[in-house]
Amino acid sequence: MNHLVKNILKNLTFLSIGVLLLWLAFRNMKMEQVLSSFRSANYFWIVTAMLCGVFAHWSRAMRWRQLISSIGYRTSKATSFKAVMVGYLFNFVVPRMGEVSRCAVINRKDRIPLDKLIGTVITERLFDLIVITLISVGIYLLQFAMINEFIYEVLPKGPCIIEEDVTADPGNKTGLYILFALGAAFIGVLVYLYVKNPSDLKGRIRSFIINAFDGVKSITKLKSPFWFIVHTVNIWLMYFLMAYLIFFSLPATADLGLAAGFFVLLLGTIAIIVPIPGGIGTYHTFVAIGLTIFAIDCPDGKLYATISHSAQMVMIFVVGGISLIFTTLDQKRTKKESIDEAPTDTE
């Protein structure tokens, strides 16, 4: 089985899991109920959250530009921002394709080696991993009892993905079986793709370690470490505000506090990390289940998750689409200029 077919099967499998989760979450809800909530939502908070998302991606682009500069190359602010947004756009089509796509944009525009750019992206992800780990530990320490209740009592019952009259039975294991089946399918795909070829797995691990080490070393070469930290903090602050501000768009979630915002940020990040295109299904399920801890009914949690996820999608498709158009025009202009400047043979 060649690499292309394997990738197609992998993406279709993950997409199928996402669609299944989406169907399980919404199969008992009426479309009119969803549309009515969209019509009555307070769009001031939704638009404000979307602007926070754009600001977060701008900081990500500026932080990435610092890393690129640290390895001896230069790119403009506009180019790095367009590249980041194009990457997010492609991530909604094929998971993890965004990292390669945004590197390709910079590579074509500024002729920076692709492997060097990928190294800086790995460095970025390492810092994001550190931040989300700190956030996770902080949430767990501050909300110890709540998290334990969520893991050991709420999650096994599978609220929001099976009928409420079934979950009302404390001894019911249907939710646990569904979650186990989805987890087994996810692990099965990973085992098939990576463990089937141990040498390939070792090569991937070795390559990751080398690139990660090179990326971490690049931090020591930063001209402005302070701004790198500022952009890192701003990225995650804006991510938090995206989750928190949308609470105010719906009456059912308007009274939720900061703890709920951080918890949704954590669950949403985990849902997006799962290699399902755009977090479809996983985001809606994880967030809706998580909000039950804060006494939010499943239907209201699903509506919040739908509005939050839709706001992110609209923002990325609009800003990412515009960035893709301008990137394509830039590439055509650069290609035309290179042809015009090429020497011609004279008799």
Protein backbone atom coordinates (compact mmCIF):
# COMPACT_ATOMS: atom_id res chain seq x y z
CA MET A 1 0.00 0.00 0.00
CA ASN A 2 1.63 3.27 -1.09
CA HIS A 3 1.98 6.35 1.09
CA LEU A 4 -0.82 8.32 -0.61
CA VAL A 5 -3.41 5.55 -0.23
CA LYS A 6 -2.37 5.05 3.39
CA ASN A 7 -2.84 8.76 4.14
CA ILE A 8 -6.23 8.81 2.43
CA LEU A 9 -7.42 5.80 4.44
CA LYS A 10 -6.10 7.32 7.67
CA ASN A 11 -7.84 10.64 7.08
CA LEU A 12 -11.09 8.97 6.05
CA THR A 13 -10.99 6.83 9.20
CA PHE A 14 -10.48 9.82 11.48
CA LEU A 15 -13.12 11.83 9.61
CA SER A 16 -15.56 8.93 10.01
CA ILE A 17 -14.92 8.90 13.77
CA GLY A 18 -15.59 12.65 13.88
CA VAL A 19 -18.81 12.33 11.90
CA LEU A 20 -19.91 9.48 14.18
CA LEU A 21 -19.31 11.62 17.27
CA LEU A 22 -21.16 14.53 15.68
CA TRP A 23 -24.12 12.29 14.85
CA LEU A 24 -24.17 10.78 18.34
CA ALA A 25 -24.15 14.25 19.87
CA PHE A 26 -26.88 15.80 17.73
CA ARG A 27 -29.12 12.97 16.62
CA ASN A 28 -31.78 13.77 19.25
CA MET A 29 -31.76 17.53 18.68
CA LYS A 30 -34.11 19.29 16.30
CA MET A 31 -32.53 21.46 13.62
CA GLU A 32 -35.03 24.21 14.38
CA GLN A 33 -33.72 24.33 17.95
CA VAL A 34 -30.15 24.79 16.70
CA LEU A 35 -31.15 27.45 14.15
CA SER A 36 -33.22 29.30 16.74
CA SER A 37 -30.23 29.47 19.08
CA PHE A 38 -28.06 30.83 16.29
CA ARG A 39 -30.65 33.51 15.51
CA SER A 40 -31.04 34.58 19.15
CA ALA A 41 -27.33 34.49 20.05
CA ASN A 42 -25.54 37.73 20.97
CA TYR A 43 -23.23 38.24 18.00
CA PHE A 44 -21.27 41.03 19.66
CA TRP A 45 -19.50 38.44 21.81
CA ILE A 46 -19.12 36.00 18.93
CA VAL A 47 -17.47 38.61 16.67
CA THR A 48 -15.28 39.79 19.55
CA ALA A 49 -14.14 36.19 20.12
CA MET A 50 -13.37 35.84 16.41
CA LEU A 51 -11.22 38.99 16.52
CA CYS A 52 -9.36 37.50 19.50
CA GLY A 53 -8.69 34.47 17.29
CA VAL A 54 -7.21 36.66 14.55
CA PHE A 55 -5.04 38.41 17.14
CA ALA A 56 -3.85 35.03 18.45
CA HIS A 57 -2.85 33.94 14.95
CA TRP A 58 -1.07 37.26 14.38
CA SER A 59 1.01 36.64 17.50
CA ARG A 60 1.71 33.11 16.29
CA ALA A 61 2.96 34.50 12.98
CA MET A 62 5.17 37.08 14.74
CA ARG A 63 6.58 34.44 17.08
CA TRP A 64 7.31 32.13 14.15
CA ARG A 65 8.98 35.02 12.31
CA GLN A 66 11.31 35.43 15.30
CA LEU A 67 12.29 31.76 15.09
CA ILE A 68 12.92 32.04 11.35
CA SER A 69 15.10 35.09 11.99
CA SER A 70 17.05 33.16 14.63
CA ILE A 71 18.27 30.66 12.02
CA GLY A 72 19.52 33.41 9.71
CA TYR A 73 16.59 34.00 7.35
CA ARG A 74 14.10 36.84 6.93
CA THR A 75 10.47 37.03 5.96
CA SER A 76 7.94 39.86 6.20
CA LYS A 77 5.22 40.15 8.82
CA ALA A 78 2.53 39.98 6.15
CA THR A 79 4.00 36.85 4.55
CA SER A 80 4.34 35.01 7.86
CA PHE A 81 0.75 35.90 8.85
CA LYS A 82 -0.66 34.78 5.48
CA ALA A 83 1.34 31.56 5.74
CA VAL A 84 -0.05 30.80 9.22
CA MET A 85 -3.63 31.44 8.11
CA VAL A 86 -3.21 29.30 4.98
CA GLY A 87 -1.91 26.56 7.27
CA TYR A 88 -4.98 26.73 9.50
CA LEU A 89 -7.18 26.63 6.40
CA PHE A 90 -5.53 23.44 5.15
CA ASN A 91 -5.78 21.85 8.60
CA PHE A 92 -9.55 21.84 8.18
CA VAL A 93 -9.09 19.70 5.07
CA VAL A 94 -6.28 17.35 6.10
CA PRO A 95 -5.05 17.17 9.73
CA ARG A 96 -1.42 18.24 10.22
CA MET A 97 -1.26 19.43 6.59
CA GLY A 98 -1.29 23.01 7.87
CA GLU A 99 2.25 22.84 9.24
CA VAL A 100 3.61 21.73 5.87
CA SER A 101 1.43 24.19 3.95
CA ARG A 102 2.55 27.26 5.83
CA CYS A 103 6.18 26.23 5.46
CA ALA A 104 5.61 25.80 1.72
CA VAL A 105 4.23 29.36 1.48
CA ILE A 106 7.38 30.83 3.06
CA ASN A 107 9.59 28.52 1.02
CA ARG A 108 8.11 29.69 -2.28
CA LYS A 109 8.03 33.35 -1.31
CA ASP A 110 11.42 33.78 0.35
CA ARG A 111 13.30 30.65 -0.79
CA ILE A 112 13.98 29.53 2.78
CA PRO A 113 14.83 25.78 2.95
CA LEU A 114 11.78 23.70 3.82
CA ASP A 115 13.56 21.52 6.38
CA LYS A 116 14.71 24.60 8.29
CA LEU A 117 11.17 25.97 8.39
CA ILE A 118 9.79 22.65 9.62
CA GLY A 119 12.37 22.74 12.42
CA THR A 120 11.04 26.13 13.56
CA VAL A 121 7.46 24.82 13.49
CA ILE A 122 8.49 21.90 15.70
CA THR A 123 10.03 24.41 18.10
CA GLU A 124 6.75 26.31 18.14
CA ARG A 125 4.80 23.18 18.92
CA LEU A 126 7.18 22.29 21.75
CA PHE A 127 6.49 25.62 23.42
CA ASP A 128 2.76 25.18 22.90
CA LEU A 129 3.03 21.73 24.48
CA ILE A 130 4.78 23.24 27.49
CA VAL A 131 2.08 25.91 27.86
CA ILE A 132 -0.87 23.51 27.54
CA THR A 133 0.83 21.17 30.03
CA LEU A 134 1.17 24.02 32.53
CA ILE A 135 -2.47 25.00 31.94
CA SER A 136 -3.56 21.38 32.42
CA VAL A 137 -1.61 21.00 35.66
CA GLY A 138 -2.92 24.34 36.90
CA ILE A 139 -6.54 23.43 36.15
CA TYR A 140 -6.10 20.02 37.79
CA LEU A 141 -4.61 21.51 40.96
CA LEU A 142 -7.23 24.26 41.21
CA GLN A 143 -10.17 22.03 40.30
CA PHE A 144 -8.96 18.70 41.68
CA ALA A 145 -12.34 17.40 42.87
CA MET A 146 -14.15 18.57 39.75
CA ILE A 147 -11.66 16.93 37.35
CA ASN A 148 -11.76 13.63 39.25
CA GLU A 149 -15.55 13.68 39.17
CA PHE A 150 -15.42 14.33 35.43
CA ILE A 151 -12.96 11.48 34.73
CA TYR A 152 -14.36 8.80 37.04
CA GLU A 153 -18.08 9.55 37.20
CA VAL A 154 -19.23 11.74 34.30
CA LEU A 155 -17.11 10.54 31.37
CA PRO A 156 -17.81 6.78 31.73
CA LYS A 157 -21.56 7.44 31.50
CA GLY A 158 -21.10 9.14 28.15
CA PRO A 159 -23.47 12.09 28.67
CA CYS A 160 -24.37 14.10 25.57
CA ILE A 161 -23.66 11.22 23.18
CA ILE A 162 -26.40 8.81 24.29
CA GLU A 163 -30.01 9.34 25.35
CA GLU A 164 -30.46 11.14 28.65
CA ASP A 165 -33.00 8.56 29.90
CA VAL A 166 -30.35 5.88 29.46
CA THR A 167 -27.58 7.88 31.17
CA ALA A 168 -29.92 8.49 34.09
CA ASP A 169 -29.26 4.88 35.10
CA PRO A 170 -26.06 5.10 37.20
CA GLY A 171 -25.18 1.49 36.40
CA ASN A 172 -25.45 1.91 32.66
CA LYS A 173 -22.22 1.26 30.76
CA THR A 174 -23.33 2.22 27.25
CA GLY A 175 -21.36 5.47 27.27
CA LEU A 176 -18.26 3.62 28.45
CA TYR A 177 -18.62 1.07 25.64
CA ILE A 178 -18.96 3.83 23.03
CA LEU A 179 -15.91 5.70 24.32
CA PHE A 180 -13.93 2.46 24.52
CA ALA A 181 -14.84 1.55 20.92
CA LEU A 182 -13.83 4.99 19.63
CA GLY A 183 -10.57 4.86 21.58
CA ALA A 184 -9.82 1.36 20.31
CA ALA A 185 -10.44 2.46 16.72
CA PHE A 186 -8.13 5.43 17.16
CA ILE A 187 -5.34 3.32 18.68
CA GLY A 188 -5.87 0.62 16.05
CA VAL A 189 -5.26 3.08 13.22
CA LEU A 190 -2.07 4.34 14.89
CA VAL A 191 -0.80 0.80 15.42
CA TYR A 192 -1.53 -0.14 11.80
CA LEU A 193 0.14 2.94 10.36
CA TYR A 194 3.22 3.16 12.54
CA VAL A 195 3.96 -0.10 14.31
CA LYS A 196 3.51 -2.08 11.09
CA ASN A 197 6.80 -0.60 9.93
CA PRO A 198 9.14 -0.38 12.98
CA SER A 199 12.07 1.01 10.99
CA ASP A 200 9.88 3.82 9.70
CA LEU A 201 8.73 4.52 13.25
CA LYS A 202 12.32 4.66 14.51
CA GLY A 203 13.22 7.00 11.67
CA ARG A 204 10.33 9.31 12.52
CA ILE A 205 11.31 9.36 16.20
CA ARG A 206 14.97 10.02 15.39
CA SER A 207 14.07 12.79 12.96
CA PHE A 208 11.71 14.37 15.49
CA ILE A 209 14.37 14.36 18.23
CA ILE A 210 17.01 15.90 15.94
CA ASN A 211 14.68 18.61 14.65
CA ALA A 212 13.37 19.32 18.14
CA PHE A 213 16.92 19.68 19.49
CA ASP A 214 17.86 22.06 16.67
CA GLY A 215 14.68 24.01 17.27
CA VAL A 216 15.29 24.38 20.99
CA LYS A 217 18.83 25.59 20.28
CA SER A 218 17.39 28.32 18.07
CA ILE A 219 15.76 29.89 21.16
CA THR A 220 19.20 30.90 22.41
CA LYS A 221 19.72 32.89 19.21
CA LEU A 222 16.59 34.99 19.52
CA LYS A 223 17.21 38.73 19.37
CA SER A 224 14.18 39.51 21.57
CA PRO A 225 13.33 36.62 23.92
CA PHE A 226 10.98 38.98 25.78
CA TRP A 227 8.72 39.41 22.74
CA PHE A 228 8.79 35.68 22.10
CA ILE A 229 7.38 35.13 25.59
CA VAL A 230 4.88 37.97 25.16
CA HIS A 231 3.57 36.45 21.91
CA THR A 232 3.38 32.99 23.50
CA VAL A 233 1.35 34.31 26.44
CA ASN A 234 -0.87 36.33 24.10
CA ILE A 235 -1.61 33.32 21.89
CA TRP A 236 -3.01 31.33 24.79
CA LEU A 237 -4.70 34.32 26.40
CA MET A 238 -6.57 34.95 23.14
CA TYR A 239 -7.44 31.25 22.86
CA PHE A 240 -8.90 31.45 26.36
CA LEU A 241 -10.89 34.58 25.51
CA MET A 242 -12.27 32.86 22.39
CA ALA A 243 -13.78 30.19 24.64
CA TYR A 244 -14.76 32.49 27.49
CA LEU A 245 -16.37 35.37 25.58
CA ILE A 246 -18.72 33.09 23.66
CA PHE A 247 -20.23 32.07 27.01
CA PHE A 248 -21.94 35.48 27.00
CA SER A 249 -23.56 34.87 23.62
CA LEU A 250 -26.06 32.37 25.10
CA PRO A 251 -28.28 32.81 28.17
CA ALA A 252 -27.56 29.27 29.37
CA THR A 253 -23.78 29.82 29.57
CA ALA A 254 -23.66 33.55 30.35
CA ASP A 255 -23.04 32.98 34.07
CA LEU A 256 -20.10 30.60 33.68
CA GLY A 257 -16.85 31.81 35.20
CA LEU A 258 -13.14 31.73 34.44
CA ALA A 259 -12.72 28.12 35.61
CA ALA A 260 -15.20 26.96 32.98
CA GLY A 261 -13.38 29.01 30.34
CA PHE A 262 -10.04 27.36 31.14
CA PHE A 263 -11.65 23.92 31.24
CA VAL A 264 -13.22 24.46 27.80
CA LEU A 265 -9.86 25.72 26.51
CA LEU A 266 -8.23 22.49 27.69
CA LEU A 267 -10.92 20.20 26.26
CA GLY A 268 -11.05 22.15 22.99
CA THR A 269 -7.28 21.93 22.59
CA ILE A 270 -7.35 18.16 23.16
CA ALA A 271 -10.19 17.84 20.64
CA ILE A 272 -8.25 19.78 18.00
CA ILE A 273 -5.06 17.76 18.64
CA VAL A 274 -6.92 14.56 17.75
CA PRO A 275 -6.19 14.08 14.00
CA ILE A 276 -9.77 14.64 12.86
CA PRO A 277 -10.26 17.42 10.26
CA GLY A 278 -11.04 20.66 12.07
CA GLY A 279 -11.97 18.90 15.31
CA ILE A 280 -15.36 18.06 13.78
CA GLY A 281 -17.33 15.93 16.22
CA THR A 282 -14.56 15.71 18.81
CA TYR A 283 -14.81 19.39 19.76
CA HIS A 284 -18.59 19.28 20.05
CA THR A 285 -18.55 16.07 22.11
CA PHE A 286 -15.68 16.92 24.46
CA VAL A 287 -16.90 20.45 25.20
CA ALA A 288 -20.56 19.46 25.66
CA ILE A 289 -19.59 16.65 28.07
CA GLY A 290 -17.18 18.94 29.93
CA LEU A 291 -19.81 21.63 30.48
CA THR A 292 -22.05 19.16 32.29
CA ILE A 293 -19.64 19.54 35.23
CA PHE A 294 -20.81 23.16 35.47
CA ALA A 295 -24.50 22.15 35.49
CA ILE A 296 -25.00 22.99 31.81
CA ASP A 297 -27.53 20.66 30.18
CA CYS A 298 -26.28 18.65 27.22
CA PRO A 299 -28.45 20.47 24.63
CA ASP A 300 -27.14 23.85 25.82
CA GLY A 301 -23.58 22.53 25.91
CA LYS A 302 -23.91 21.26 22.36
CA LEU A 303 -25.27 24.61 21.19
CA TYR A 304 -22.38 26.45 22.85
CA ALA A 305 -19.88 24.05 21.26
CA THR A 306 -21.54 24.46 17.85
CA ILE A 307 -21.47 28.26 17.99
CA SER A 308 -17.88 28.29 19.30
CA HIS A 309 -16.64 25.84 16.68
CA SER A 310 -18.57 27.59 13.89
CA ALA A 311 -17.09 30.97 14.88
CA GLN A 312 -13.59 29.51 14.64
CA MET A 313 -14.36 27.92 11.28
CA VAL A 314 -15.83 31.11 9.82
CA MET A 315 -12.85 33.16 11.02
CA ILE A 316 -10.34 30.71 9.57
CA PHE A 317 -12.18 30.24 6.28
CA VAL A 318 -12.60 34.00 5.77
CA VAL A 319 -9.13 35.18 6.86
CA GLY A 320 -7.43 32.01 5.62
CA GLY A 321 -9.25 32.19 2.28
CA ILE A 322 -8.24 35.82 1.77
CA SER A 323 -4.66 34.93 2.73
CA LEU A 324 -4.66 32.06 0.23
CA ILE A 325 -5.89 34.37 -2.56
CA PHE A 326 -3.20 36.97 -1.84
CA THR A 327 -0.54 34.26 -1.51
CA THR A 328 -1.51 32.83 -4.92
CA LEU A 329 -1.40 36.30 -6.49
CA ASP A 330 2.02 36.94 -4.90
CA GLN A 331 3.35 33.68 -6.30
CA LYS A 332 2.08 34.49 -9.78
CA ARG A 333 3.60 37.97 -9.58
CA THR A 334 6.94 36.58 -8.39
CA LYS A 335 6.95 33.97 -11.16
CA LYS A 336 6.18 36.59 -13.81
CA GLU A 337 8.94 38.88 -12.52
CA SER A 338 11.47 36.06 -12.58
CA ILE A 339 10.52 35.25 -16.19
CA ASP A 340 10.76 38.91 -17.22
CA GLU A 341 14.17 39.25 -15.58
CA ALA A 342 15.57 36.03 -17.06
CA PRO A 343 18.28 36.66 -19.70
CA THR A 344 17.33 35.88 -23.29
CA ASP A 345 19.59 34.51 -26.02
CA THR A 346 20.49 37.02 -28.72
CA GLU A 347 21.65 36.25 -32.19
